[in-house]
N, C-alpha and C. Protein backbone atom coordinates (compact mmCIF):
# COMPACT_ATOMS: atom_id res chain seq x y z
N MET A 1 -69.13 113.78 238.73
CA MET A 1 -68.61 112.74 239.26
C MET A 1 -69.20 112.28 240.94
N ARG A 2 -69.06 112.95 241.49
CA ARG A 2 -69.51 112.58 242.75
C ARG A 2 -70.63 111.50 242.94
N GLU A 3 -71.72 111.41 241.62
CA GLU A 3 -72.89 110.37 241.41
C GLU A 3 -72.21 109.58 241.23
N MET A 4 -71.08 109.22 240.35
CA MET A 4 -70.37 107.94 239.91
C MET A 4 -69.79 107.79 240.92
N LEU A 5 -69.02 108.43 241.71
CA LEU A 5 -68.62 107.52 242.66
C LEU A 5 -69.72 106.76 244.08
N ARG A 6 -70.60 107.45 243.97
CA ARG A 6 -71.62 106.87 244.60
C ARG A 6 -71.95 105.33 244.33
N VAL A 7 -72.07 105.15 243.08
CA VAL A 7 -72.71 104.11 242.15
C VAL A 7 -71.39 103.16 242.93
N LEU A 8 -69.81 103.53 242.82
CA LEU A 8 -68.74 102.73 243.02
C LEU A 8 -68.90 102.40 244.56
N ASN A 9 -69.13 103.21 245.44
CA ASN A 9 -68.83 103.16 246.87
C ASN A 9 -70.39 102.67 247.59
N ARG A 10 -71.41 103.14 246.99
CA ARG A 10 -72.50 102.61 248.15
C ARG A 10 -73.83 102.47 246.83
N PRO A 11 -73.61 101.36 246.41
CA PRO A 11 -74.28 101.14 244.80
C PRO A 11 -75.91 100.27 245.72
N LYS A 12 -76.00 99.89 246.51
CA LYS A 12 -77.56 99.71 247.25
C LYS A 12 -78.25 101.09 247.07
N GLU A 13 -77.35 102.42 247.44
CA GLU A 13 -78.20 103.63 247.61
C GLU A 13 -78.47 103.90 246.16
N ALA A 14 -77.65 103.47 245.33
CA ALA A 14 -77.07 103.98 243.79
C ALA A 14 -78.65 103.30 242.94
N PHE A 15 -78.58 101.76 243.62
CA PHE A 15 -79.68 101.22 243.13
C PHE A 15 -81.10 102.09 242.76
N LYS A 16 -81.28 101.89 244.37
CA LYS A 16 -82.41 102.95 244.83
C LYS A 16 -83.04 104.18 244.55
N SER A 17 -81.79 104.75 244.31
CA SER A 17 -81.97 106.34 243.63
C SER A 17 -82.56 106.35 242.18
N GLY A 18 -82.34 105.28 241.44
CA GLY A 18 -83.07 105.19 240.39
C GLY A 18 -82.55 106.80 239.12
N ASN A 19 -81.43 107.41 239.19
CA ASN A 19 -81.03 108.47 239.02
C ASN A 19 -80.95 108.22 237.35
N THR A 20 -81.59 108.88 236.58
CA THR A 20 -81.60 109.03 235.16
C THR A 20 -80.42 109.43 234.38
N ALA A 21 -79.68 110.31 234.74
CA ALA A 21 -78.54 110.64 234.55
C ALA A 21 -77.33 109.65 234.68
N GLU A 22 -77.26 109.35 235.96
CA GLU A 22 -76.02 108.12 236.10
C GLU A 22 -76.26 107.08 235.27
N THR A 23 -77.50 106.33 235.16
CA THR A 23 -77.88 105.41 234.06
C THR A 23 -77.44 105.70 232.75
N THR A 24 -77.78 106.58 232.39
CA THR A 24 -77.59 106.96 230.70
C THR A 24 -76.46 107.40 230.61
N ILE A 25 -75.63 107.95 231.52
CA ILE A 25 -74.24 108.02 230.90
C ILE A 25 -73.36 106.75 231.23
N LEU A 26 -73.71 106.29 232.04
CA LEU A 26 -72.37 104.71 232.39
C LEU A 26 -73.19 103.70 230.73
N VAL A 27 -74.31 103.66 230.72
CA VAL A 27 -74.84 102.80 229.49
C VAL A 27 -74.34 103.55 227.91
N LEU A 28 -74.52 104.91 228.04
CA LEU A 28 -74.21 105.52 226.71
C LEU A 28 -72.84 104.94 226.53
N LEU A 29 -72.22 105.50 227.69
CA LEU A 29 -70.34 105.24 227.10
C LEU A 29 -70.04 103.92 227.12
N THR A 30 -70.94 102.94 227.52
CA THR A 30 -70.44 101.58 227.39
C THR A 30 -70.80 101.00 226.13
N VAL A 31 -71.78 101.53 225.94
CA VAL A 31 -72.38 101.29 224.07
C VAL A 31 -71.48 102.21 222.97
N LEU A 32 -71.26 103.31 223.30
CA LEU A 32 -70.07 103.85 222.27
C LEU A 32 -68.68 103.47 222.67
N VAL A 33 -68.33 103.22 223.92
CA VAL A 33 -66.82 102.45 223.67
C VAL A 33 -66.77 101.13 222.75
N ASN A 34 -67.95 100.29 222.67
CA ASN A 34 -68.19 99.15 221.76
C ASN A 34 -68.31 99.65 220.61
N SER A 35 -69.29 100.65 220.31
CA SER A 35 -69.64 100.89 219.14
C SER A 35 -68.42 101.75 218.15
N ALA A 36 -68.17 102.70 218.83
CA ALA A 36 -67.25 103.86 218.03
C ALA A 36 -66.00 104.08 218.26
N PHE A 37 -65.58 103.95 220.17
CA PHE A 37 -64.16 103.78 220.36
C PHE A 37 -63.23 103.15 220.35
N GLY A 38 -63.91 101.70 220.16
CA GLY A 38 -62.97 100.49 219.66
C GLY A 38 -62.97 100.86 218.03
N PRO A 39 -63.79 100.91 216.96
CA PRO A 39 -63.24 100.94 215.56
C PRO A 39 -62.45 102.38 215.40
N LEU A 40 -62.49 103.46 216.03
CA LEU A 40 -61.60 104.63 215.99
C LEU A 40 -60.34 104.27 216.37
N LEU A 41 -60.24 103.40 217.62
CA LEU A 41 -58.92 103.33 218.05
C LEU A 41 -58.19 102.20 217.06
N GLU A 42 -58.86 101.11 216.57
CA GLU A 42 -58.50 100.36 215.84
C GLU A 42 -57.93 101.18 214.24
N HIS A 43 -59.01 102.21 213.97
CA HIS A 43 -58.68 102.85 212.52
C HIS A 43 -57.23 103.71 212.73
N PHE A 44 -57.16 104.31 213.47
CA PHE A 44 -55.88 105.18 214.04
C PHE A 44 -54.48 104.75 214.38
N PHE A 45 -54.82 103.67 215.53
CA PHE A 45 -53.82 103.02 216.14
C PHE A 45 -53.02 101.84 216.32
N GLY A 46 -54.15 101.09 214.84
CA GLY A 46 -54.40 99.46 214.92
C GLY A 46 -52.89 99.22 214.20
N LYS A 47 -52.23 98.30 214.37
CA LYS A 47 -51.25 97.89 213.40
C LYS A 47 -51.49 97.53 211.89
N PHE A 48 -52.43 97.22 211.88
CA PHE A 48 -53.18 96.84 210.07
C PHE A 48 -54.06 97.73 209.66
N GLY A 49 -54.49 98.40 211.00
CA GLY A 49 -55.34 99.59 210.54
C GLY A 49 -57.10 99.40 209.74
N CYS A 50 -58.12 99.86 209.87
CA CYS A 50 -59.25 99.33 209.30
C CYS A 50 -60.08 100.39 209.23
N GLU A 51 -60.83 100.82 207.99
CA GLU A 51 -61.81 101.68 207.49
C GLU A 51 -62.56 102.08 208.08
N LEU A 52 -63.06 102.90 208.75
CA LEU A 52 -64.16 103.41 209.50
C LEU A 52 -65.38 103.21 209.00
N ASP A 53 -66.12 102.74 209.35
CA ASP A 53 -67.67 102.35 208.82
C ASP A 53 -68.89 103.10 209.80
N VAL A 54 -69.12 103.90 209.36
CA VAL A 54 -70.05 105.30 210.07
C VAL A 54 -71.45 104.55 210.34
N LEU A 55 -71.77 103.89 209.26
CA LEU A 55 -73.00 103.31 209.18
C LEU A 55 -73.14 102.17 210.28
N GLN A 56 -71.93 101.37 209.91
CA GLN A 56 -71.79 100.02 211.00
C GLN A 56 -71.74 100.45 212.85
N MET A 57 -71.03 101.79 212.73
CA MET A 57 -70.78 102.35 214.31
C MET A 57 -72.27 102.64 215.10
N LEU A 58 -73.04 103.29 214.12
CA LEU A 58 -74.75 103.78 214.19
C LEU A 58 -75.15 102.37 214.63
N ARG A 59 -74.95 101.40 213.69
CA ARG A 59 -75.69 100.20 213.66
C ARG A 59 -75.45 99.27 215.02
N LEU A 60 -74.30 99.53 215.38
CA LEU A 60 -73.76 98.76 216.46
C LEU A 60 -74.18 99.66 217.98
N THR A 61 -74.36 101.00 217.80
CA THR A 61 -75.18 101.81 219.04
C THR A 61 -76.14 101.74 218.90
N ALA A 62 -76.87 101.47 218.00
CA ALA A 62 -78.50 101.18 218.06
C ALA A 62 -78.69 99.47 218.85
N LEU A 63 -77.67 98.98 218.31
CA LEU A 63 -77.83 97.50 219.00
C LEU A 63 -77.51 97.03 220.52
N GLY A 64 -76.79 98.05 220.64
CA GLY A 64 -76.20 98.38 222.13
C GLY A 64 -77.14 98.82 222.71
N LEU A 65 -78.21 99.26 222.65
CA LEU A 65 -79.03 100.32 223.26
C LEU A 65 -80.19 99.31 223.33
N ALA A 66 -80.72 98.74 222.07
CA ALA A 66 -81.25 97.44 222.24
C ALA A 66 -81.10 96.41 223.42
N SER A 67 -79.79 95.97 223.44
CA SER A 67 -79.55 94.95 224.21
C SER A 67 -79.80 95.51 225.51
N TYR A 68 -79.29 96.71 225.72
CA TYR A 68 -79.65 97.23 227.19
C TYR A 68 -81.11 97.03 227.47
N LEU A 69 -82.03 97.35 226.37
CA LEU A 69 -83.61 97.63 226.86
C LEU A 69 -84.14 96.13 227.23
N ALA A 70 -83.30 95.13 226.31
CA ALA A 70 -83.61 93.59 226.18
C ALA A 70 -83.16 93.05 227.41
N ILE A 71 -82.04 93.27 228.17
CA ILE A 71 -81.36 93.02 229.21
C ILE A 71 -82.52 93.48 230.41
N CYS A 72 -83.04 94.42 230.38
CA CYS A 72 -83.69 94.90 231.28
C CYS A 72 -85.31 94.42 231.48
N ALA A 73 -85.72 94.38 230.00
CA ALA A 73 -87.06 93.29 230.07
C ALA A 73 -87.06 92.14 230.45
N VAL A 74 -85.76 91.29 230.32
CA VAL A 74 -85.76 90.00 230.93
C VAL A 74 -85.78 90.13 232.07
N ILE A 75 -85.06 90.81 232.98
CA ILE A 75 -84.92 90.76 234.20
C ILE A 75 -86.17 91.25 234.94
N TRP A 76 -86.93 92.26 234.04
CA TRP A 76 -88.21 92.59 234.91
C TRP A 76 -89.28 91.24 234.84
N LEU A 77 -89.08 90.90 233.43
CA LEU A 77 -90.09 89.75 233.22
C LEU A 77 -89.69 88.46 234.14
N VAL A 78 -88.65 88.17 234.40
CA VAL A 78 -88.17 87.14 235.49
C VAL A 78 -88.76 87.40 236.83
N CYS A 79 -88.21 88.65 237.45
CA CYS A 79 -88.48 88.94 238.88
C CYS A 79 -89.87 89.25 238.90
N ARG A 80 -90.30 89.60 237.92
CA ARG A 80 -91.73 89.28 238.11
C ARG A 80 -92.67 88.24 238.52
N CYS A 81 -92.11 87.27 237.51
CA CYS A 81 -92.38 85.84 237.90
C CYS A 81 -91.98 85.30 238.89
N PHE A 82 -91.01 85.86 239.63
CA PHE A 82 -90.63 85.30 240.91
C PHE A 82 -91.10 86.32 242.33
N GLY A 83 -92.07 86.87 241.81
CA GLY A 83 -92.65 87.66 242.85
C GLY A 83 -92.59 89.56 243.22
N SER A 84 -91.57 89.78 242.04
CA SER A 84 -91.15 91.32 242.13
C SER A 84 -91.98 92.08 242.14
N ARG A 85 -92.30 93.15 242.75
CA ARG A 85 -93.33 94.25 242.58
C ARG A 85 -92.84 95.80 241.80
N ALA A 86 -91.38 95.34 241.38
CA ALA A 86 -90.69 96.45 240.64
C ALA A 86 -91.19 96.60 239.43
N SER A 87 -91.28 98.33 238.94
CA SER A 87 -91.61 98.16 237.19
C SER A 87 -90.65 98.09 236.41
N LEU A 88 -90.82 97.80 235.23
CA LEU A 88 -89.83 97.55 234.05
C LEU A 88 -89.30 98.88 234.15
N ASN A 89 -90.00 100.32 234.32
CA ASN A 89 -89.15 101.84 234.38
C ASN A 89 -88.15 101.59 235.31
N ASN A 90 -88.41 100.81 236.41
CA ASN A 90 -87.37 100.64 237.66
C ASN A 90 -86.48 99.95 237.47
N HIS A 91 -86.35 99.18 236.42
CA HIS A 91 -85.53 98.33 236.27
C HIS A 91 -84.65 98.60 235.17
N ILE A 92 -85.06 99.59 234.31
CA ILE A 92 -84.26 100.73 233.32
C ILE A 92 -83.33 101.33 233.74
N LEU A 93 -84.12 102.24 234.37
CA LEU A 93 -83.59 103.05 235.46
C LEU A 93 -82.22 102.56 236.36
N ALA A 94 -82.15 101.49 237.10
CA ALA A 94 -81.42 101.09 238.07
C ALA A 94 -80.32 99.95 237.56
N TRP A 95 -80.95 99.50 236.82
CA TRP A 95 -79.92 98.21 235.92
C TRP A 95 -78.41 98.97 235.53
N GLY A 96 -78.51 99.84 234.90
CA GLY A 96 -77.53 100.95 234.50
C GLY A 96 -76.48 101.28 235.38
N MET A 97 -77.10 101.20 236.17
CA MET A 97 -75.80 101.73 237.43
C MET A 97 -75.20 100.70 237.75
N SER A 98 -75.19 99.41 237.29
CA SER A 98 -74.15 98.44 237.17
C SER A 98 -73.55 98.34 236.05
N PHE A 99 -73.37 99.19 235.38
CA PHE A 99 -72.95 99.24 234.24
C PHE A 99 -71.07 99.71 234.41
N PHE A 100 -70.61 100.07 235.22
CA PHE A 100 -69.14 100.78 235.31
C PHE A 100 -68.27 99.44 235.36
N PRO A 101 -68.54 98.21 235.52
CA PRO A 101 -67.53 97.15 235.17
C PRO A 101 -67.75 96.51 233.76
N THR A 102 -68.90 96.87 233.66
CA THR A 102 -68.94 96.62 231.63
C THR A 102 -68.27 97.47 231.03
N LEU A 103 -68.47 98.38 231.56
CA LEU A 103 -67.72 99.77 230.86
C LEU A 103 -65.90 99.62 231.02
N LEU A 104 -65.67 99.27 232.08
CA LEU A 104 -64.10 98.93 232.13
C LEU A 104 -63.73 97.79 231.54
N CYS A 105 -64.86 96.81 231.12
CA CYS A 105 -64.63 95.64 230.21
C CYS A 105 -64.33 96.02 228.68
N ALA A 106 -65.21 96.79 228.75
CA ALA A 106 -65.24 97.44 226.97
C ALA A 106 -63.99 98.31 226.60
N LEU A 107 -63.58 99.04 227.65
CA LEU A 107 -62.15 99.95 227.60
C LEU A 107 -60.96 98.92 227.46
N VAL A 108 -61.28 98.06 228.22
CA VAL A 108 -60.03 96.91 228.13
C VAL A 108 -59.56 96.19 226.78
N VAL A 109 -61.10 95.46 226.21
CA VAL A 109 -60.96 94.85 225.20
C VAL A 109 -60.59 95.79 224.01
N ALA A 110 -61.29 96.82 224.11
CA ALA A 110 -60.93 98.07 222.97
C ALA A 110 -59.32 98.09 223.16
N VAL A 111 -58.68 98.27 224.04
CA VAL A 111 -56.81 98.79 224.06
C VAL A 111 -56.29 97.60 223.72
N THR A 112 -56.67 96.52 224.33
CA THR A 112 -55.94 94.76 224.44
C THR A 112 -56.26 94.44 222.71
N GLU A 113 -57.39 94.66 222.42
CA GLU A 113 -57.40 94.24 220.96
C GLU A 113 -56.48 94.85 219.60
N THR A 114 -56.64 96.13 219.64
CA THR A 114 -55.65 97.30 219.46
C THR A 114 -54.52 97.27 219.26
N PHE A 115 -54.02 96.80 220.25
CA PHE A 115 -52.53 96.90 220.90
C PHE A 115 -51.97 95.63 221.38
N PHE A 116 -52.88 94.58 220.58
CA PHE A 116 -52.33 93.11 221.34
C PHE A 116 -50.83 92.60 221.02
N TYR A 117 -50.16 93.46 220.07
CA TYR A 117 -49.04 93.12 220.14
C TYR A 117 -47.63 93.49 221.15
N VAL A 118 -48.33 94.28 221.63
CA VAL A 118 -47.77 95.00 223.16
C VAL A 118 -47.96 93.91 224.16
N PHE A 119 -48.77 92.95 224.26
CA PHE A 119 -48.93 92.43 225.30
C PHE A 119 -48.51 90.67 224.82
N TRP A 120 -48.50 90.13 223.64
CA TRP A 120 -48.24 89.17 222.95
C TRP A 120 -46.93 88.45 223.54
N ASN A 121 -47.15 87.45 224.15
CA ASN A 121 -46.07 86.44 224.57
C ASN A 121 -45.43 86.71 225.93
N SER A 122 -46.61 87.61 226.63
CA SER A 122 -45.81 88.20 228.22
C SER A 122 -46.85 87.78 228.93
N ILE A 123 -45.88 87.13 230.28
CA ILE A 123 -46.56 86.41 231.23
C ILE A 123 -47.14 87.00 231.99
N ALA A 124 -46.23 88.46 232.52
CA ALA A 124 -46.55 89.46 233.52
C ALA A 124 -48.19 90.20 232.94
N TRP A 125 -48.08 90.76 231.55
CA TRP A 125 -49.42 91.24 231.03
C TRP A 125 -50.75 89.97 230.99
N GLY A 126 -50.51 88.52 231.21
CA GLY A 126 -51.27 87.55 230.90
C GLY A 126 -52.05 87.88 232.19
N VAL A 127 -50.92 87.59 233.00
CA VAL A 127 -51.62 87.68 234.52
C VAL A 127 -52.17 88.67 235.12
N PHE A 128 -52.01 89.73 234.57
CA PHE A 128 -52.68 91.18 234.72
C PHE A 128 -54.06 90.93 234.05
N PHE A 129 -54.04 90.81 233.10
CA PHE A 129 -55.52 90.68 232.25
C PHE A 129 -56.57 89.55 232.88
N ASN A 130 -55.94 88.52 233.38
CA ASN A 130 -56.72 87.32 233.96
C ASN A 130 -57.12 87.93 235.15
N VAL A 131 -56.31 88.66 235.85
CA VAL A 131 -56.70 89.26 237.22
C VAL A 131 -57.63 90.21 237.25
N LEU A 132 -57.32 91.02 236.08
CA LEU A 132 -58.42 92.29 235.97
C LEU A 132 -59.93 91.53 235.43
N PHE A 133 -59.81 90.73 234.55
CA PHE A 133 -61.11 90.39 233.89
C PHE A 133 -61.37 89.38 234.87
N GLY A 134 -61.29 88.69 235.80
CA GLY A 134 -61.61 87.99 236.91
C GLY A 134 -62.26 88.85 238.06
N GLY A 135 -61.67 90.25 238.15
CA GLY A 135 -61.93 91.24 239.32
C GLY A 135 -63.47 92.13 238.46
N ILE A 136 -63.55 92.02 237.41
CA ILE A 136 -64.32 92.57 236.64
C ILE A 136 -65.54 91.61 236.78
N LEU A 137 -65.65 90.52 236.37
CA LEU A 137 -66.52 89.66 236.46
C LEU A 137 -67.08 89.32 237.71
N LEU A 138 -66.27 89.19 239.15
CA LEU A 138 -66.79 88.92 240.12
C LEU A 138 -67.54 90.24 240.62
N TRP A 139 -66.91 91.39 240.36
CA TRP A 139 -67.71 92.82 240.95
C TRP A 139 -68.82 92.92 240.02
N LYS A 140 -69.00 92.38 238.73
CA LYS A 140 -70.61 92.65 238.44
C LYS A 140 -71.46 91.45 238.71
N THR A 141 -71.04 90.37 239.34
CA THR A 141 -71.75 89.59 240.00
C THR A 141 -72.35 90.01 241.44
N VAL A 142 -71.29 90.54 241.82
CA VAL A 142 -71.44 91.37 243.64
C VAL A 142 -73.08 92.16 242.82
N LEU A 143 -72.50 93.16 242.20
CA LEU A 143 -73.49 93.93 242.00
C LEU A 143 -75.11 93.39 241.38
N TYR A 144 -74.97 92.51 240.35
CA TYR A 144 -76.34 91.70 240.16
C TYR A 144 -76.71 91.35 241.43
N VAL A 145 -76.33 90.59 242.33
CA VAL A 145 -77.04 89.88 243.66
C VAL A 145 -77.83 91.24 244.17
N ILE A 146 -76.74 92.66 244.43
CA ILE A 146 -77.20 93.57 245.07
C ILE A 146 -78.46 93.93 244.50
N TYR A 147 -78.47 94.05 243.44
CA TYR A 147 -79.75 94.96 242.39
C TYR A 147 -80.29 93.72 242.56
N LEU A 148 -80.30 92.39 242.30
CA LEU A 148 -81.77 91.77 242.55
C LEU A 148 -82.42 91.77 244.32
N ARG A 149 -81.54 91.57 245.01
CA ARG A 149 -81.87 92.13 246.54
C ARG A 149 -82.70 93.13 247.02
N GLU A 150 -82.17 94.96 246.26
CA GLU A 150 -82.74 95.65 246.49
C GLU A 150 -83.48 96.44 245.48
N VAL A 151 -83.31 95.99 244.54
CA VAL A 151 -84.51 96.44 243.12
C VAL A 151 -85.60 96.02 243.00
N ALA A 152 -85.00 94.51 242.87
CA ALA A 152 -86.22 93.80 242.62
C ALA A 152 -86.89 92.90 243.99
N GLN A 153 -86.56 93.50 244.92
CA GLN A 153 -86.66 92.59 246.22
C GLN A 153 -87.11 91.19 246.65
N LEU A 154 -86.03 90.49 245.84
CA LEU A 154 -86.15 89.04 246.26
C LEU A 154 -85.02 88.54 246.89
N ARG A 155 -85.63 87.57 247.97
CA ARG A 155 -84.78 86.80 248.66
C ARG A 155 -84.82 85.88 249.00
N GLY A 156 -84.07 84.81 249.25
CA GLY A 156 -83.98 83.58 249.86
C GLY A 156 -84.13 82.49 248.60
N GLY A 157 -84.84 81.54 248.11
CA GLY A 157 -84.94 80.76 246.90
C GLY A 157 -85.24 81.44 245.90
N ARG A 158 -86.13 82.72 245.90
CA ARG A 158 -87.16 83.54 245.12
C ARG A 158 -85.61 84.22 244.15
N LEU A 159 -84.46 84.64 244.90
CA LEU A 159 -83.35 85.23 244.61
C LEU A 159 -82.95 84.28 243.46
N ILE A 160 -82.26 83.35 244.55
CA ILE A 160 -81.31 82.27 243.39
C ILE A 160 -82.31 81.54 242.40
N GLY A 161 -83.51 81.22 242.45
CA GLY A 161 -84.22 80.83 241.34
C GLY A 161 -84.13 81.98 239.99
N ALA A 162 -84.45 83.59 240.23
CA ALA A 162 -84.26 84.35 239.80
C ALA A 162 -82.80 84.46 239.00
N MET A 163 -81.78 84.36 239.62
CA MET A 163 -80.54 84.64 239.43
C MET A 163 -80.44 83.46 238.38
N VAL A 164 -80.50 82.21 238.39
CA VAL A 164 -80.06 81.02 237.61
C VAL A 164 -80.99 81.15 236.22
N VAL A 165 -82.16 81.81 236.42
CA VAL A 165 -82.96 81.75 235.37
C VAL A 165 -82.76 83.00 234.28
N ILE A 166 -82.23 84.07 234.91
CA ILE A 166 -81.81 85.16 234.22
C ILE A 166 -80.24 85.31 233.54
N CYS A 167 -79.32 84.24 234.37
CA CYS A 167 -78.04 83.73 233.88
C CYS A 167 -77.93 83.26 232.47
N VAL A 168 -79.40 82.55 232.52
CA VAL A 168 -79.20 81.61 231.12
C VAL A 168 -79.40 82.71 230.03
N PHE A 169 -80.36 83.89 230.28
CA PHE A 169 -80.31 84.86 229.37
C PHE A 169 -79.13 85.60 229.13
N ILE A 170 -78.76 85.74 230.33
CA ILE A 170 -77.71 86.83 230.04
C ILE A 170 -76.34 86.11 229.12
N VAL A 171 -76.39 84.53 229.40
CA VAL A 171 -75.53 83.71 228.29
C VAL A 171 -75.71 84.19 227.04
N PHE A 172 -77.18 83.72 226.85
CA PHE A 172 -77.86 84.10 225.12
C PHE A 172 -77.47 85.11 224.59
N LEU A 173 -77.74 86.31 225.20
CA LEU A 173 -77.87 87.78 225.00
C LEU A 173 -76.24 88.20 224.92
N ALA A 174 -75.64 87.76 225.76
CA ALA A 174 -74.23 87.99 225.54
C ALA A 174 -73.40 87.29 224.07
N TRP A 175 -73.91 85.82 223.90
CA TRP A 175 -73.51 85.08 222.65
C TRP A 175 -74.12 85.94 221.76
N THR A 176 -75.47 86.56 221.68
CA THR A 176 -76.17 87.47 220.59
C THR A 176 -75.27 88.53 220.34
N ASN A 177 -74.97 89.52 221.54
CA ASN A 177 -74.39 90.56 221.48
C ASN A 177 -73.04 90.16 220.36
N THR A 178 -72.28 89.19 220.38
CA THR A 178 -71.04 88.92 220.06
C THR A 178 -71.22 88.59 218.48
N HIS A 179 -72.30 87.60 218.06
CA HIS A 179 -72.63 87.72 216.65
C HIS A 179 -72.94 88.72 216.04
N LEU A 180 -73.69 89.59 216.58
CA LEU A 180 -74.09 90.92 216.34
C LEU A 180 -72.72 91.91 216.09
N GLY A 181 -71.84 91.92 216.46
CA GLY A 181 -70.18 92.63 216.33
C GLY A 181 -70.21 93.47 217.53
N LEU A 182 -71.26 93.35 218.37
CA LEU A 182 -70.46 94.19 220.16
C LEU A 182 -69.39 93.16 220.61
N LYS A 183 -68.06 93.85 220.74
CA LYS A 183 -67.36 92.71 221.54
C LYS A 183 -67.47 92.43 222.91
N SER A 184 -68.18 93.61 223.71
CA SER A 184 -67.98 93.44 224.96
C SER A 184 -69.74 93.46 225.12
N PRO A 185 -70.54 92.42 225.64
CA PRO A 185 -71.40 92.04 225.72
C PRO A 185 -72.18 93.38 226.22
N VAL A 186 -73.35 94.04 225.91
CA VAL A 186 -73.96 95.21 226.79
C VAL A 186 -75.24 94.61 227.65
N ILE A 187 -74.50 93.91 228.73
CA ILE A 187 -75.56 93.57 229.37
C ILE A 187 -75.36 93.92 230.92
């Protein structure tokens, strides 16, 4: 737990450490919330229920892990083109440190989709979730900039150029994740 708090409180240090355990835990939890927790929640507590499809859950788990590796490869390739010397392995070990907001987003999406009738037509819940999702997106963006500065060692125009190019790929991967069945993109 102490290591997870370090990711939250001192992301610069966390990115530089490349702790395999932290990255693995955050990425696996995010993928499993998408692929297993959401369907299990819907099956047991959903208003309309659904059948459990274990093969689909395994497929989504594999797709989530593949999506993580794909975004790491894209970030590495783009950063390399903009002058970064960080290895692909550094990116794979470090990018997962930015997944705490992604994990929160996946949890909130799973809960709100299952219990949508609780939140329906409520201005207070609508405002709460808008602020929550806005905060999560802002937090992920800040982590993204810190990541490019600390891991990829990009500054100035190179940092901005890499951010723009990677953002195009992030939008594409988010769209692809959604069409493959991952409700919260694993990016």
